[in-house]
């Protein structure tokens, strides 16, 4: 699972495919919510605000 900004979306997709050998599901963080999970405040690859959840 990756939480990423727009500029690192492609990197997260590539890593996901390398690890899991299948395409990920991609969600806009503004459109999803989970009861027991809060989205991190920064991208997994940099300090920018994340926009996407890659799972």
N, C-alpha and C. Protein backbone atom coordinates (compact mmCIF):
# COMPACT_ATOMS: atom_id res chain seq x y z
N UNK A 1 0.85 -1.17 0.00
CA UNK A 1 0.00 0.00 0.00
C UNK A 1 0.90 1.23 0.00
N UNK A 2 0.55 2.19 -0.83
CA UNK A 2 1.30 3.44 -0.91
C UNK A 2 0.33 4.61 -0.82
N UNK A 3 0.76 5.65 -0.16
CA UNK A 3 0.03 6.91 -0.10
C UNK A 3 0.96 7.93 -0.74
N UNK A 4 0.55 8.47 -1.89
CA UNK A 4 1.49 9.25 -2.69
C UNK A 4 0.87 10.53 -3.25
N UNK A 5 1.77 11.46 -3.57
CA UNK A 5 1.38 12.69 -4.26
C UNK A 5 1.26 12.39 -5.76
N UNK A 6 0.81 13.37 -6.50
CA UNK A 6 0.59 13.17 -7.93
C UNK A 6 1.88 12.84 -8.68
N UNK A 7 2.98 13.50 -8.31
CA UNK A 7 4.21 13.28 -9.07
C UNK A 7 4.83 11.91 -8.80
N UNK A 8 4.46 11.24 -7.71
CA UNK A 8 5.01 9.92 -7.39
C UNK A 8 4.02 8.78 -7.63
N UNK A 9 2.89 9.07 -8.23
CA UNK A 9 1.90 8.03 -8.52
C UNK A 9 2.49 6.94 -9.41
N UNK A 10 3.17 7.33 -10.45
CA UNK A 10 3.77 6.37 -11.38
C UNK A 10 4.79 5.47 -10.67
N UNK A 11 5.60 6.05 -9.78
CA UNK A 11 6.58 5.26 -9.03
C UNK A 11 5.90 4.23 -8.14
N UNK A 12 4.82 4.62 -7.49
CA UNK A 12 4.09 3.71 -6.62
C UNK A 12 3.47 2.57 -7.41
N UNK A 13 2.92 2.88 -8.57
CA UNK A 13 2.33 1.84 -9.43
C UNK A 13 3.41 0.84 -9.85
N UNK A 14 4.55 1.35 -10.29
CA UNK A 14 5.64 0.47 -10.72
C UNK A 14 6.13 -0.43 -9.58
N UNK A 15 6.30 0.13 -8.40
CA UNK A 15 6.74 -0.67 -7.25
C UNK A 15 5.72 -1.72 -6.89
N UNK A 16 4.44 -1.33 -6.91
CA UNK A 16 3.37 -2.26 -6.59
C UNK A 16 3.38 -3.45 -7.55
N UNK A 17 3.48 -3.17 -8.84
CA UNK A 17 3.50 -4.22 -9.85
C UNK A 17 4.73 -5.11 -9.68
N UNK A 18 5.88 -4.52 -9.37
CA UNK A 18 7.09 -5.31 -9.15
C UNK A 18 6.94 -6.27 -7.97
N UNK A 19 6.29 -5.82 -6.90
CA UNK A 19 6.15 -6.63 -5.70
C UNK A 19 5.03 -7.67 -5.84
N UNK A 20 3.86 -7.22 -6.30
CA UNK A 20 2.68 -8.09 -6.29
C UNK A 20 2.35 -8.72 -7.65
N UNK A 21 3.03 -8.30 -8.68
CA UNK A 21 2.84 -8.83 -10.04
C UNK A 21 1.40 -8.74 -10.53
N UNK A 22 0.75 -7.66 -10.16
CA UNK A 22 -0.60 -7.35 -10.65
C UNK A 22 -0.83 -5.85 -10.52
N UNK A 23 -1.73 -5.30 -11.30
CA UNK A 23 -1.98 -3.86 -11.22
C UNK A 23 -2.71 -3.50 -9.92
N UNK A 24 -2.40 -2.35 -9.36
CA UNK A 24 -3.06 -1.93 -8.12
C UNK A 24 -4.41 -1.27 -8.37
N UNK A 25 -5.17 -1.16 -7.31
CA UNK A 25 -6.35 -0.29 -7.30
C UNK A 25 -5.86 1.07 -6.84
N UNK A 26 -6.38 2.12 -7.45
CA UNK A 26 -5.94 3.48 -7.12
C UNK A 26 -7.16 4.30 -6.72
N UNK A 27 -7.08 4.95 -5.57
CA UNK A 27 -8.17 5.74 -5.05
C UNK A 27 -7.68 7.15 -4.74
N UNK A 28 -8.55 8.11 -4.94
CA UNK A 28 -8.28 9.48 -4.50
C UNK A 28 -8.52 9.51 -2.98
N UNK A 29 -7.57 10.02 -2.23
CA UNK A 29 -7.71 10.05 -0.78
C UNK A 29 -8.92 10.86 -0.33
N UNK A 30 -9.29 11.87 -1.08
CA UNK A 30 -10.46 12.67 -0.72
C UNK A 30 -11.77 11.89 -0.84
N UNK A 31 -11.75 10.79 -1.62
CA UNK A 31 -12.96 10.04 -1.89
C UNK A 31 -13.13 8.79 -1.03
N UNK A 32 -12.14 8.45 -0.20
CA UNK A 32 -12.22 7.25 0.62
C UNK A 32 -12.00 7.58 2.09
N UNK A 33 -12.59 6.76 2.94
CA UNK A 33 -12.34 6.89 4.37
C UNK A 33 -12.50 5.51 5.01
N UNK A 34 -11.74 5.27 6.04
CA UNK A 34 -11.78 4.02 6.77
C UNK A 34 -11.92 4.34 8.25
N UNK A 35 -12.65 3.52 8.96
CA UNK A 35 -12.89 3.81 10.38
C UNK A 35 -11.64 3.69 11.23
N UNK A 36 -10.75 2.75 10.92
CA UNK A 36 -9.58 2.52 11.75
C UNK A 36 -8.27 2.95 11.11
N UNK A 37 -8.34 3.85 10.12
CA UNK A 37 -7.11 4.26 9.43
C UNK A 37 -7.20 5.73 9.06
N UNK A 38 -6.18 6.46 9.39
CA UNK A 38 -6.07 7.87 8.99
C UNK A 38 -4.94 7.98 7.97
N UNK A 39 -5.19 8.68 6.90
CA UNK A 39 -4.18 8.85 5.86
C UNK A 39 -2.99 9.64 6.41
N UNK A 40 -1.78 9.24 6.06
CA UNK A 40 -0.61 10.01 6.46
C UNK A 40 -0.66 11.43 5.87
N UNK A 41 0.09 12.31 6.45
CA UNK A 41 0.09 13.71 6.02
C UNK A 41 1.16 14.01 4.99
N UNK A 42 1.95 13.00 4.60
CA UNK A 42 2.95 13.22 3.55
C UNK A 42 3.07 11.99 2.67
N UNK A 43 3.52 12.23 1.47
CA UNK A 43 3.74 11.20 0.47
C UNK A 43 4.78 10.19 0.97
N UNK A 44 4.64 8.92 0.55
CA UNK A 44 5.62 7.91 0.92
C UNK A 44 6.99 8.13 0.28
N UNK A 45 7.05 8.97 -0.75
CA UNK A 45 8.30 9.20 -1.47
C UNK A 45 8.90 10.59 -1.23
N UNK A 46 8.10 11.51 -0.69
CA UNK A 46 8.59 12.88 -0.44
C UNK A 46 7.75 13.51 0.67
N UNK A 47 7.91 14.79 0.89
CA UNK A 47 7.18 15.47 1.96
C UNK A 47 5.92 16.20 1.48
N UNK A 48 5.55 15.99 0.22
CA UNK A 48 4.34 16.64 -0.31
C UNK A 48 3.08 15.99 0.26
N UNK A 49 1.97 16.70 0.15
CA UNK A 49 0.68 16.19 0.60
C UNK A 49 0.22 15.09 -0.35
N UNK A 50 -0.16 13.92 0.18
CA UNK A 50 -0.58 12.83 -0.70
C UNK A 50 -1.98 13.05 -1.27
N UNK A 51 -2.21 12.51 -2.47
CA UNK A 51 -3.51 12.60 -3.13
C UNK A 51 -4.09 11.23 -3.42
N UNK A 52 -3.23 10.20 -3.51
CA UNK A 52 -3.67 8.89 -3.97
C UNK A 52 -3.32 7.78 -2.97
N UNK A 53 -4.19 6.80 -2.93
CA UNK A 53 -3.98 5.56 -2.21
C UNK A 53 -3.83 4.47 -3.25
N UNK A 54 -2.69 3.79 -3.24
CA UNK A 54 -2.41 2.73 -4.20
C UNK A 54 -2.37 1.41 -3.42
N UNK A 55 -3.34 0.53 -3.70
CA UNK A 55 -3.44 -0.76 -2.99
C UNK A 55 -3.70 -1.90 -3.95
